[in-house]
Amino acid sequence: IKDLNALGANVSVLLDSVDQARSINKFCEENDCSISALVEIDCDGNRGGLKPNDPLLIQVAKTLDSGQGRFLGVLAHAGGSYSCFDEASLREAAQNEVNQVRLAVSNLSKRDISCRVVSICSTPTAYSYENLDGITEVRAGVYTFFDLVMAGIGVCDKTDIASSVVTTVIGHNKDKGWLIIDAGWMALSSDRGTAKQPQDCGYGLVANTDSQIIDGLQVIKANQEHGIIGSALPGTINFDDFPIGLKIHILPNHACATSAMHRRYHVFDKVNQTYESWVRIQGW
């Protein structure tokens, strides 16, 4: 951390307790470094954090500023928005998120504690904010790609999903009506985020190489190294249309989880007919 500070890097962490704040101060003092901290605000009871009226919020901020740590501001994530399925509920979740962090900022300000960063966002609420006065950062993640969970919530259309896993048909089980592919949960992830949505997409929907979704087909089972594609409409797979060696695309339930299974993005610009390979950061 000290070396990063020397290079001009501002290292920030997220916390929500006095004990964590004391640990940051102790680490900074022992290692002659600086770490900034945001305090997480629990805006809807679906994640960690402190309620905006919790007296501990003031105590955490003061603890940081009394040591070698640095109180940077507040951050919230509207986890409850993942249970929204219409525009009205998304707007309500977005407004609540904004209101809760503003209340936290106001309570801190009354104690002469300023917030340099006031950070909010979840992808479901990203397009539903009406007034962002006082907010310094809108921090959405999967909106860069979108995925089937977001499509199920209604934030995007399936045709807006920008990422997919290219896989190969490696086998047929005609008795069971299955296509076998070389992408299992090691390639797709085991995320089943659409399971409780109106449309359960299994482990991902199937598209052709032109990104057109093939009606009725989805990955119904994911083993470690291979997946099984079945049809929601019995008897509709024409195996002649899916010969061994055919390349197809799998649209992800959760693009974050799927992307984390791979070392790089293969990026195609169909307008300018260009291709780039982007290395990504793996691990947690």
Protein backbone atom coordinates (compact mmCIF):
# COMPACT_ATOMS: atom_id res chain seq x y z
CA ILE A 1 0.00 0.00 0.00
CA LYS A 2 2.85 2.37 0.86
CA ASP A 3 4.41 1.78 -2.56
CA LEU A 4 1.08 2.44 -4.25
CA ASN A 5 0.67 5.66 -2.27
CA ALA A 6 4.14 6.72 -3.42
CA LEU A 7 3.01 6.26 -7.02
CA GLY A 8 0.04 8.52 -6.39
CA ALA A 9 -2.59 5.81 -5.95
CA ASN A 10 -5.48 6.42 -3.59
CA VAL A 11 -6.39 3.03 -2.09
CA SER A 12 -10.00 2.84 -0.87
CA VAL A 13 -11.97 0.20 1.01
CA LEU A 14 -15.58 -0.25 2.06
CA LEU A 15 -16.56 -0.86 5.68
CA ASP A 16 -19.45 -0.55 8.12
CA SER A 17 -18.12 -0.93 11.68
CA VAL A 18 -15.92 0.77 14.23
CA ASP A 19 -13.78 -2.36 14.57
CA GLN A 20 -13.03 -2.26 10.85
CA ALA A 21 -12.15 1.44 11.06
CA ARG A 22 -9.76 0.75 13.93
CA SER A 23 -8.15 -2.04 11.90
CA ILE A 24 -7.57 0.35 9.00
CA ASN A 25 -6.00 2.92 11.31
CA LYS A 26 -3.76 0.31 12.89
CA PHE A 27 -2.64 -1.07 9.54
CA CYS A 28 -1.86 2.41 8.21
CA GLU A 29 0.12 3.33 11.32
CA GLU A 30 2.11 0.09 11.28
CA ASN A 31 2.85 0.32 7.55
CA ASP A 32 3.22 4.10 7.17
CA CYS A 33 0.58 4.30 4.48
CA SER A 34 -2.81 5.85 3.77
CA ILE A 35 -6.11 4.09 3.08
CA SER A 36 -9.38 5.89 2.44
CA ALA A 37 -12.67 4.32 3.49
CA LEU A 38 -16.26 4.62 2.37
CA VAL A 39 -18.97 3.64 4.83
CA GLU A 40 -21.64 1.41 3.35
CA ILE A 41 -25.21 2.59 3.83
CA ASP A 42 -27.95 -0.02 4.13
CA CYS A 43 -30.62 1.57 1.95
CA ASP A 44 -33.11 -1.28 1.66
CA GLY A 45 -32.14 -4.17 3.96
CA ASN A 46 -30.74 -6.34 1.18
CA ARG A 47 -26.99 -5.82 1.66
CA GLY A 48 -24.57 -4.94 4.44
CA GLY A 49 -24.05 -1.48 5.84
CA LEU A 50 -25.36 0.94 8.44
CA LYS A 51 -28.73 2.63 8.43
CA PRO A 52 -28.37 6.37 7.72
CA ASN A 53 -29.68 7.26 11.21
CA ASP A 54 -27.45 4.75 13.01
CA PRO A 55 -25.21 6.63 15.52
CA LEU A 56 -22.40 4.24 14.56
CA LEU A 57 -22.13 6.06 11.23
CA ILE A 58 -20.78 9.15 13.00
CA GLN A 59 -18.55 7.03 15.20
CA VAL A 60 -17.01 5.16 12.27
CA ALA A 61 -16.25 8.40 10.42
CA LYS A 62 -14.69 10.01 13.48
CA THR A 63 -12.64 6.89 14.21
CA LEU A 64 -11.14 6.96 10.73
CA ASP A 65 -10.32 10.65 10.86
CA SER A 66 -8.76 10.32 14.32
CA GLY A 67 -6.15 7.90 13.00
CA GLN A 68 -4.09 7.49 9.86
CA GLY A 69 -7.10 6.23 7.92
CA ARG A 70 -9.24 8.66 5.99
CA PHE A 71 -13.01 8.93 5.87
CA LEU A 72 -13.92 9.42 2.22
CA GLY A 73 -17.72 9.31 2.14
CA VAL A 74 -20.70 6.97 1.85
CA LEU A 75 -21.76 4.29 -0.60
CA ALA A 76 -25.01 2.39 -1.15
CA HIS A 77 -26.19 -0.42 -3.39
CA ALA A 78 -29.90 -0.99 -3.99
CA GLY A 79 -29.85 -4.77 -3.75
CA GLY A 80 -33.62 -4.87 -3.47
CA SER A 81 -33.92 -3.58 -7.03
CA TYR A 82 -33.17 -7.09 -8.30
CA SER A 83 -36.68 -8.03 -7.18
CA CYS A 84 -38.30 -5.25 -9.24
CA PHE A 85 -40.07 -6.10 -12.48
CA ASP A 86 -41.71 -2.85 -13.62
CA GLU A 87 -40.73 0.77 -14.17
CA ALA A 88 -42.67 2.08 -11.18
CA SER A 89 -40.92 -0.22 -8.68
CA LEU A 90 -37.51 0.53 -10.24
CA ARG A 91 -38.11 4.28 -9.89
CA GLU A 92 -39.18 3.76 -6.29
CA ALA A 93 -36.04 1.74 -5.53
CA ALA A 94 -33.85 4.36 -7.21
CA GLN A 95 -35.43 7.25 -5.32
CA ASN A 96 -35.17 5.40 -2.02
CA GLU A 97 -31.48 4.75 -2.63
CA VAL A 98 -30.87 8.45 -3.29
CA ASN A 99 -32.93 9.51 -0.27
CA GLN A 100 -31.12 7.17 2.10
CA VAL A 101 -27.62 8.33 1.16
CA ARG A 102 -28.70 11.98 1.28
CA LEU A 103 -29.99 11.38 4.80
CA ALA A 104 -26.66 9.83 5.77
CA VAL A 105 -24.77 12.80 4.31
CA SER A 106 -27.05 15.22 6.16
CA ASN A 107 -26.51 13.45 9.49
CA LEU A 108 -22.74 13.52 8.99
CA SER A 109 -22.81 17.18 7.97
CA LYS A 110 -24.58 18.09 11.21
CA ARG A 111 -21.47 16.80 12.98
CA ASP A 112 -19.17 18.78 10.65
CA ILE A 113 -18.13 15.64 8.79
CA SER A 114 -17.99 16.11 5.02
CA CYS A 115 -18.36 13.44 2.35
CA ARG A 116 -16.03 13.82 -0.61
CA VAL A 117 -17.69 10.83 -2.29
CA VAL A 118 -21.41 10.04 -2.31
CA SER A 119 -21.73 6.87 -4.33
CA ILE A 120 -24.85 4.97 -5.36
CA CYS A 121 -26.08 2.49 -7.92
CA SER A 122 -27.18 -0.90 -9.03
CA THR A 123 -27.69 -1.71 -12.68
CA PRO A 124 -31.48 -2.08 -12.26
CA THR A 125 -31.73 1.46 -10.87
CA ALA A 126 -29.15 3.03 -13.21
CA TYR A 127 -31.74 4.31 -15.66
CA SER A 128 -34.41 5.23 -13.12
CA TYR A 129 -32.90 8.18 -11.24
CA GLU A 130 -34.80 11.45 -11.58
CA ASN A 131 -32.60 13.81 -9.55
CA LEU A 132 -28.96 13.22 -8.64
CA ASP A 133 -28.25 16.45 -6.78
CA GLY A 134 -25.59 15.78 -4.16
CA ILE A 135 -24.54 12.45 -5.70
CA THR A 136 -20.94 12.34 -6.90
CA GLU A 137 -20.85 8.85 -8.39
CA VAL A 138 -23.29 6.51 -10.14
CA ARG A 139 -21.63 3.15 -9.93
CA ALA A 140 -23.34 0.52 -12.10
CA GLY A 141 -21.52 -2.63 -13.16
CA VAL A 142 -23.15 -5.13 -15.47
CA TYR A 143 -24.87 -2.38 -17.45
CA THR A 144 -21.77 -2.34 -19.67
CA PHE A 145 -22.80 -5.75 -21.05
CA PHE A 146 -26.29 -6.46 -19.71
CA ASP A 147 -27.39 -10.06 -19.29
CA LEU A 148 -30.45 -12.29 -18.99
CA VAL A 149 -31.14 -11.27 -15.38
CA MET A 150 -31.29 -7.62 -16.42
CA ALA A 151 -33.50 -8.52 -19.38
CA GLY A 152 -35.80 -10.40 -17.00
CA ILE A 153 -36.08 -7.35 -14.74
CA GLY A 154 -36.92 -5.23 -17.77
CA VAL A 155 -33.85 -2.99 -17.73
CA CYS A 156 -32.86 -4.08 -21.25
CA ASP A 157 -33.94 -6.32 -24.12
CA LYS A 158 -32.24 -9.63 -24.82
CA THR A 159 -30.96 -8.12 -28.05
CA ASP A 160 -29.05 -5.52 -25.96
CA ILE A 161 -26.84 -8.18 -24.34
CA ALA A 162 -23.31 -7.55 -25.59
CA SER A 163 -21.45 -10.57 -24.19
CA SER A 164 -21.73 -14.26 -24.95
CA VAL A 165 -19.69 -17.44 -24.71
CA VAL A 166 -18.76 -19.05 -28.03
CA THR A 167 -19.05 -22.81 -27.75
CA THR A 168 -18.97 -25.83 -30.07
CA VAL A 169 -21.53 -28.59 -30.54
CA ILE A 170 -19.58 -31.75 -29.67
CA GLY A 171 -22.34 -34.35 -29.43
CA HIS A 172 -25.97 -35.36 -29.91
CA ASN A 173 -28.26 -37.38 -27.68
CA LYS A 174 -31.22 -37.85 -29.97
CA ASP A 175 -33.10 -40.11 -27.55
CA LYS A 176 -33.24 -37.32 -24.98
CA GLY A 177 -33.32 -34.43 -27.43
CA TRP A 178 -30.03 -32.99 -26.26
CA LEU A 179 -27.16 -31.12 -27.86
CA ILE A 180 -23.85 -31.52 -26.03
CA ILE A 181 -21.52 -28.49 -26.03
CA ASP A 182 -17.98 -27.94 -24.75
CA ALA A 183 -19.02 -25.16 -22.35
CA GLY A 184 -20.02 -26.20 -18.84
CA TRP A 185 -20.06 -24.24 -15.62
CA MET A 186 -16.31 -23.61 -15.97
CA ALA A 187 -17.15 -21.50 -19.02
CA LEU A 188 -20.67 -20.26 -18.23
CA SER A 189 -20.61 -20.15 -14.42
CA SER A 190 -23.24 -21.92 -12.33
CA ASP A 191 -25.25 -18.75 -11.76
CA ARG A 192 -29.01 -19.39 -11.97
CA GLY A 193 -30.12 -15.82 -11.53
CA THR A 194 -33.19 -16.15 -13.76
CA ALA A 195 -34.61 -19.14 -11.85
CA LYS A 196 -37.12 -17.01 -9.93
CA GLN A 197 -37.93 -14.70 -12.82
CA PRO A 198 -40.93 -15.10 -15.15
CA GLN A 199 -38.66 -16.76 -17.73
CA ASP A 200 -36.18 -19.27 -16.36
CA CYS A 201 -33.31 -19.30 -18.86
CA GLY A 202 -31.53 -22.31 -17.37
CA TYR A 203 -27.79 -21.72 -17.60
CA GLY A 204 -28.11 -19.46 -20.64
CA LEU A 205 -29.97 -18.99 -23.91
CA VAL A 206 -28.69 -20.11 -27.30
CA ALA A 207 -27.95 -17.76 -30.20
CA ASN A 208 -26.39 -18.20 -33.61
CA THR A 209 -23.18 -16.53 -34.73
CA ASP A 210 -25.20 -13.50 -35.84
CA SER A 211 -26.40 -13.11 -32.22
CA GLN A 212 -29.96 -14.10 -33.12
CA ILE A 213 -31.61 -16.04 -30.30
CA ILE A 214 -32.78 -19.50 -31.32
CA ASP A 215 -36.31 -19.88 -29.99
CA GLY A 216 -36.87 -22.53 -27.35
CA LEU A 217 -33.26 -23.58 -26.83
CA GLN A 218 -31.36 -23.11 -23.58
CA VAL A 219 -28.59 -24.75 -21.57
CA ILE A 220 -30.60 -26.99 -19.25
CA LYS A 221 -27.63 -28.56 -17.45
CA ALA A 222 -24.05 -27.51 -16.84
CA ASN A 223 -21.36 -29.99 -15.83
CA GLN A 224 -17.78 -28.93 -15.23
CA GLU A 225 -16.51 -29.16 -18.80
CA HIS A 226 -19.63 -29.53 -20.94
CA GLY A 227 -23.19 -28.32 -21.10
CA ILE A 228 -26.44 -29.81 -22.29
CA ILE A 229 -28.80 -27.84 -24.52
CA GLY A 230 -32.45 -28.82 -24.52
CA SER A 231 -35.63 -27.37 -25.92
CA ALA A 232 -38.49 -25.85 -23.99
CA LEU A 233 -40.63 -27.20 -26.84
CA PRO A 234 -40.29 -31.05 -26.87
CA GLY A 235 -39.20 -32.59 -30.12
CA THR A 236 -38.30 -29.33 -31.84
CA ILE A 237 -34.52 -29.76 -32.17
CA ASN A 238 -33.58 -30.54 -35.74
CA PHE A 239 -30.20 -32.14 -35.25
CA ASP A 240 -29.31 -31.53 -38.90
CA ASP A 241 -29.31 -27.80 -38.06
CA PHE A 242 -26.72 -28.37 -35.32
CA PRO A 243 -23.96 -30.58 -36.77
CA ILE A 244 -20.92 -31.61 -34.75
CA GLY A 245 -18.42 -28.75 -34.85
CA LEU A 246 -21.01 -25.96 -35.21
CA LYS A 247 -20.16 -22.78 -33.31
CA ILE A 248 -23.01 -21.22 -31.32
CA HIS A 249 -23.27 -18.48 -28.69
CA ILE A 250 -24.61 -18.76 -25.12
CA LEU A 251 -26.07 -15.60 -23.61
CA PRO A 252 -25.20 -15.40 -19.89
CA ASN A 253 -27.53 -15.21 -16.92
CA HIS A 254 -25.03 -13.05 -15.03
CA ALA A 255 -22.36 -11.48 -17.23
CA CYS A 256 -20.12 -10.69 -14.25
CA ALA A 257 -19.94 -14.33 -13.16
CA THR A 258 -19.51 -15.62 -16.71
CA SER A 259 -16.80 -13.09 -17.59
CA ALA A 260 -14.90 -14.03 -14.44
CA MET A 261 -14.40 -17.54 -15.87
CA HIS A 262 -12.28 -16.18 -18.74
CA ARG A 263 -8.92 -14.45 -19.17
CA ARG A 264 -9.89 -12.06 -21.93
CA TYR A 265 -12.68 -10.54 -24.00
CA HIS A 266 -12.75 -11.06 -27.76
CA VAL A 267 -14.28 -7.82 -28.98
CA PHE A 268 -15.82 -7.47 -32.43
CA ASP A 269 -16.92 -4.16 -33.93
CA LYS A 270 -19.37 -5.12 -36.65
CA VAL A 271 -19.70 -1.55 -37.88
CA ASN A 272 -15.99 -0.97 -38.53
CA GLN A 273 -15.21 -4.66 -39.04
CA THR A 274 -12.46 -4.67 -36.41
CA TYR A 275 -11.38 -7.14 -33.72
CA GLU A 276 -9.52 -6.58 -30.46
CA SER A 277 -8.53 -8.82 -27.56
CA TRP A 278 -8.92 -7.24 -24.10
CA VAL A 279 -7.18 -8.83 -21.12
CA ARG A 280 -9.37 -8.80 -18.02
CA ILE A 281 -8.61 -9.00 -14.29
CA GLN A 282 -9.50 -12.34 -12.73
CA GLY A 283 -10.04 -13.46 -9.16
CA TRP A 284 -11.48 -11.60 -6.22
